[in-house]
């Protein structure tokens, strides 16, 4: 059995600029509605790897669904909000103003420490990732192989969960757009 976790393509949205915590929350909302930047296509080897899977799962976010199409996967068999990216917390304050990448790191670290302002909690993310991993395992059992066109943070949680469940795979979760990790387990 095999599960392939691939990170979606690069979203078509401006990622530079200085914003407040409140403005960062509005940017995250736009990010979740953004499609994929046509100038950053997947490589032929990524397309081949995706095509070799027996079943495809996407989140209901445009960047996941559009990435599947760019992988020449016309219609994912399963599209579910359960597989959305981990919600990004944010604040409502106007100062200080930092880069979007700085806010991303700060708020993810705060989330791991227990802050969940305007988002799901770390505990909720862990529970959701367990459910997602279980669904991917069931699909791999039914279809032999499953592809999840996913998201950076959720893929990290899924990586950890699959390893706990005894799946072999990469030492680290993938981070880059279009990067994938392959997880295997012998049927018993």
Protein backbone atom coordinates (compact mmCIF):
# COMPACT_ATOMS: atom_id res chain seq x y z
CA UNK A 1 0.00 0.00 0.00
CA UNK A 2 1.11 3.51 -0.71
CA UNK A 3 0.15 7.07 0.22
CA UNK A 4 1.67 10.03 -1.63
CA UNK A 5 1.46 13.47 -0.02
CA UNK A 6 2.17 16.31 -2.42
CA UNK A 7 2.12 20.01 -1.62
CA UNK A 8 0.01 22.12 -3.96
CA UNK A 9 1.55 24.47 -6.51
CA UNK A 10 2.52 28.04 -5.73
CA UNK A 11 -0.58 30.18 -5.11
CA UNK A 12 -1.24 33.23 -7.24
CA UNK A 13 -1.07 35.87 -4.51
CA UNK A 14 1.37 38.55 -3.42
CA UNK A 15 3.45 37.25 -0.50
CA UNK A 16 5.66 40.27 0.09
CA UNK A 17 4.82 43.41 1.98
CA UNK A 18 4.49 44.61 5.55
CA UNK A 19 1.14 44.20 7.34
CA UNK A 20 -0.43 44.37 10.78
CA UNK A 21 -1.72 41.25 12.53
CA UNK A 22 -5.27 42.24 11.54
CA UNK A 23 -4.27 42.79 7.92
CA UNK A 24 -2.47 39.44 8.01
CA UNK A 25 -5.80 37.78 8.88
CA UNK A 26 -7.40 39.41 5.81
CA UNK A 27 -4.46 38.25 3.67
CA UNK A 28 -4.86 34.66 4.92
CA UNK A 29 -8.51 34.81 3.82
CA UNK A 30 -7.42 35.92 0.33
CA UNK A 31 -4.73 33.21 0.29
CA UNK A 32 -7.39 30.58 0.95
CA UNK A 33 -9.35 31.81 -2.09
CA UNK A 34 -6.30 32.04 -4.37
CA UNK A 35 -5.70 29.73 -7.29
CA UNK A 36 -2.37 28.51 -8.63
CA UNK A 37 0.25 30.65 -10.36
CA UNK A 38 0.43 29.42 -13.97
CA UNK A 39 4.13 30.33 -14.12
CA UNK A 40 5.05 27.55 -11.66
CA UNK A 41 4.02 24.24 -13.22
CA UNK A 42 4.84 20.81 -11.83
CA UNK A 43 7.71 18.86 -13.38
CA UNK A 44 7.09 15.87 -15.61
CA UNK A 45 8.29 13.51 -12.88
CA UNK A 46 5.75 14.96 -10.42
CA UNK A 47 2.96 14.55 -13.00
CA UNK A 48 4.03 10.94 -13.64
CA UNK A 49 4.13 10.19 -9.91
CA UNK A 50 0.64 11.60 -9.40
CA UNK A 51 -0.75 9.67 -12.38
CA UNK A 52 0.51 6.39 -10.92
CA UNK A 53 -1.80 6.66 -7.90
CA UNK A 54 -5.10 4.80 -7.86
CA UNK A 55 -7.17 7.44 -6.04
CA UNK A 56 -6.89 11.22 -5.55
CA UNK A 57 -7.93 13.32 -2.55
CA UNK A 58 -8.02 17.13 -2.46
CA UNK A 59 -9.13 19.71 0.03
CA UNK A 60 -11.92 22.03 -1.02
CA UNK A 61 -9.51 24.98 -1.31
CA UNK A 62 -8.89 26.25 -4.86
CA UNK A 63 -5.11 25.75 -4.64
CA UNK A 64 -5.57 22.03 -3.98
CA UNK A 65 -8.17 21.45 -6.70
CA UNK A 66 -6.33 23.55 -9.31
CA UNK A 67 -3.08 21.74 -8.50
CA UNK A 68 -4.78 18.40 -9.20
CA UNK A 69 -5.82 19.74 -12.61
CA UNK A 70 -2.25 20.87 -13.33
CA UNK A 71 -1.18 17.32 -12.48
CA UNK A 72 -3.50 16.18 -15.31
CA UNK A 73 -5.96 14.74 -12.79
CA UNK A 74 -9.26 15.92 -14.23
CA UNK A 75 -11.49 15.23 -11.27
CA UNK A 76 -10.30 14.18 -7.83
CA UNK A 77 -12.34 11.28 -6.51
CA UNK A 78 -12.65 12.90 -3.07
CA UNK A 79 -12.80 16.62 -2.28
CA UNK A 80 -13.34 17.42 1.39
CA UNK A 81 -13.09 20.35 3.78
CA UNK A 82 -11.66 17.86 6.30
CA UNK A 83 -8.43 17.99 4.26
CA UNK A 84 -8.11 21.82 4.31
CA UNK A 85 -4.91 23.47 5.42
CA UNK A 86 -4.55 23.94 9.16
CA UNK A 87 -6.21 27.22 9.96
CA UNK A 88 -3.79 30.08 10.54
CA UNK A 89 -4.36 32.10 13.70
CA UNK A 90 -4.04 35.87 13.62
CA UNK A 91 -4.57 38.85 15.88
CA UNK A 92 -6.77 41.89 15.63
CA UNK A 93 -4.16 44.48 16.51
CA UNK A 94 -2.82 47.09 14.09
CA UNK A 95 0.77 47.25 15.40
CA UNK A 96 3.49 46.17 14.91
CA UNK A 97 3.65 45.71 11.16
CA UNK A 98 5.74 42.79 9.95
CA UNK A 99 6.25 40.81 6.77
CA UNK A 100 3.65 38.17 5.92
CA UNK A 101 6.28 35.45 6.25
CA UNK A 102 7.24 36.73 9.72
CA UNK A 103 3.59 36.69 10.82
CA UNK A 104 3.23 33.17 9.40
CA UNK A 105 6.11 31.88 11.50
CA UNK A 106 5.05 33.80 14.61
CA UNK A 107 1.44 32.67 14.49
CA UNK A 108 2.30 29.01 13.71
CA UNK A 109 4.68 28.97 16.67
CA UNK A 110 2.06 30.62 18.87
CA UNK A 111 -0.45 28.02 17.67
CA UNK A 112 1.88 25.20 18.70
CA UNK A 113 2.14 26.91 22.11
CA UNK A 114 -1.65 27.03 22.51
CA UNK A 115 -2.76 30.31 20.90
CA UNK A 116 -5.65 29.84 18.50
CA UNK A 117 -6.97 33.35 17.93
CA UNK A 118 -9.54 33.23 15.11
CA UNK A 119 -8.64 29.63 14.14
CA UNK A 120 -8.73 25.99 15.15
CA UNK A 121 -6.56 24.98 18.09
CA UNK A 122 -3.46 22.81 17.99
CA UNK A 123 -5.47 20.03 19.65
CA UNK A 124 -8.19 20.32 16.99
CA UNK A 125 -5.57 20.18 14.23
CA UNK A 126 -4.04 17.03 15.74
CA UNK A 127 -7.43 15.35 15.98
CA UNK A 128 -8.37 16.33 12.44
CA UNK A 129 -5.04 15.07 11.10
CA UNK A 130 -5.66 11.70 12.77
CA UNK A 131 -9.03 11.45 11.02
CA UNK A 132 -7.45 12.47 7.69
CA UNK A 133 -4.62 9.95 8.06
CA UNK A 134 -7.14 7.23 8.88
CA UNK A 135 -9.16 8.07 5.77
CA UNK A 136 -6.03 8.01 3.59
CA UNK A 137 -5.06 4.62 5.04
CA UNK A 138 -8.54 3.23 4.30
CA UNK A 139 -8.36 4.56 0.74
CA UNK A 140 -4.89 3.04 0.27
CA UNK A 141 -6.27 -0.30 1.49
CA UNK A 142 -9.11 -0.08 -1.04
CA UNK A 143 -7.19 1.28 -4.02
CA UNK A 144 -3.58 0.21 -3.42
CA UNK A 145 -2.33 3.79 -3.64
CA UNK A 146 -3.73 7.22 -2.86
CA UNK A 147 -2.53 10.73 -3.68
CA UNK A 148 -3.33 13.67 -1.42
CA UNK A 149 -2.83 17.05 -3.09
CA UNK A 150 -2.40 18.86 0.17
CA UNK A 151 -0.97 21.70 2.13
CA UNK A 152 2.29 22.39 3.95
CA UNK A 153 1.16 22.32 7.59
CA UNK A 154 -1.44 19.56 7.21
CA UNK A 155 1.05 17.42 5.28
CA UNK A 156 3.46 17.86 8.21
CA UNK A 157 0.83 16.58 10.65
CA UNK A 158 -0.08 13.72 8.28
CA UNK A 159 3.60 12.81 7.94
CA UNK A 160 3.89 12.50 11.73
CA UNK A 161 0.65 10.52 12.01
CA UNK A 162 1.53 8.07 9.21
CA UNK A 163 4.91 7.44 10.83
CA UNK A 164 3.15 6.74 14.17
CA UNK A 165 0.89 4.27 12.37
CA UNK A 166 3.93 2.35 11.12
CA UNK A 167 4.21 3.65 7.58
CA UNK A 168 7.71 4.03 6.16
CA UNK A 169 8.55 7.22 4.32
CA UNK A 170 10.81 10.26 4.27
CA UNK A 171 12.47 11.45 7.46
CA UNK A 172 10.93 14.91 7.04
CA UNK A 173 7.71 16.24 5.60
CA UNK A 174 7.87 18.04 2.28
CA UNK A 175 7.91 21.84 2.35
CA UNK A 176 8.26 23.15 -1.20
CA UNK A 177 5.45 23.58 -3.70
CA UNK A 178 5.07 20.48 -5.91
CA UNK A 179 7.31 18.46 -3.60
CA UNK A 180 6.02 15.03 -2.60
CA UNK A 181 6.68 12.32 -0.03
CA UNK A 182 5.95 8.63 -0.52
CA UNK A 183 4.75 6.44 2.36
CA UNK A 184 4.59 2.65 2.21
CA UNK A 185 3.26 -0.17 4.31
CA UNK A 186 3.07 -3.86 3.55
CA UNK A 187 -0.41 -5.33 3.76
CA UNK A 188 -0.83 -7.75 6.63
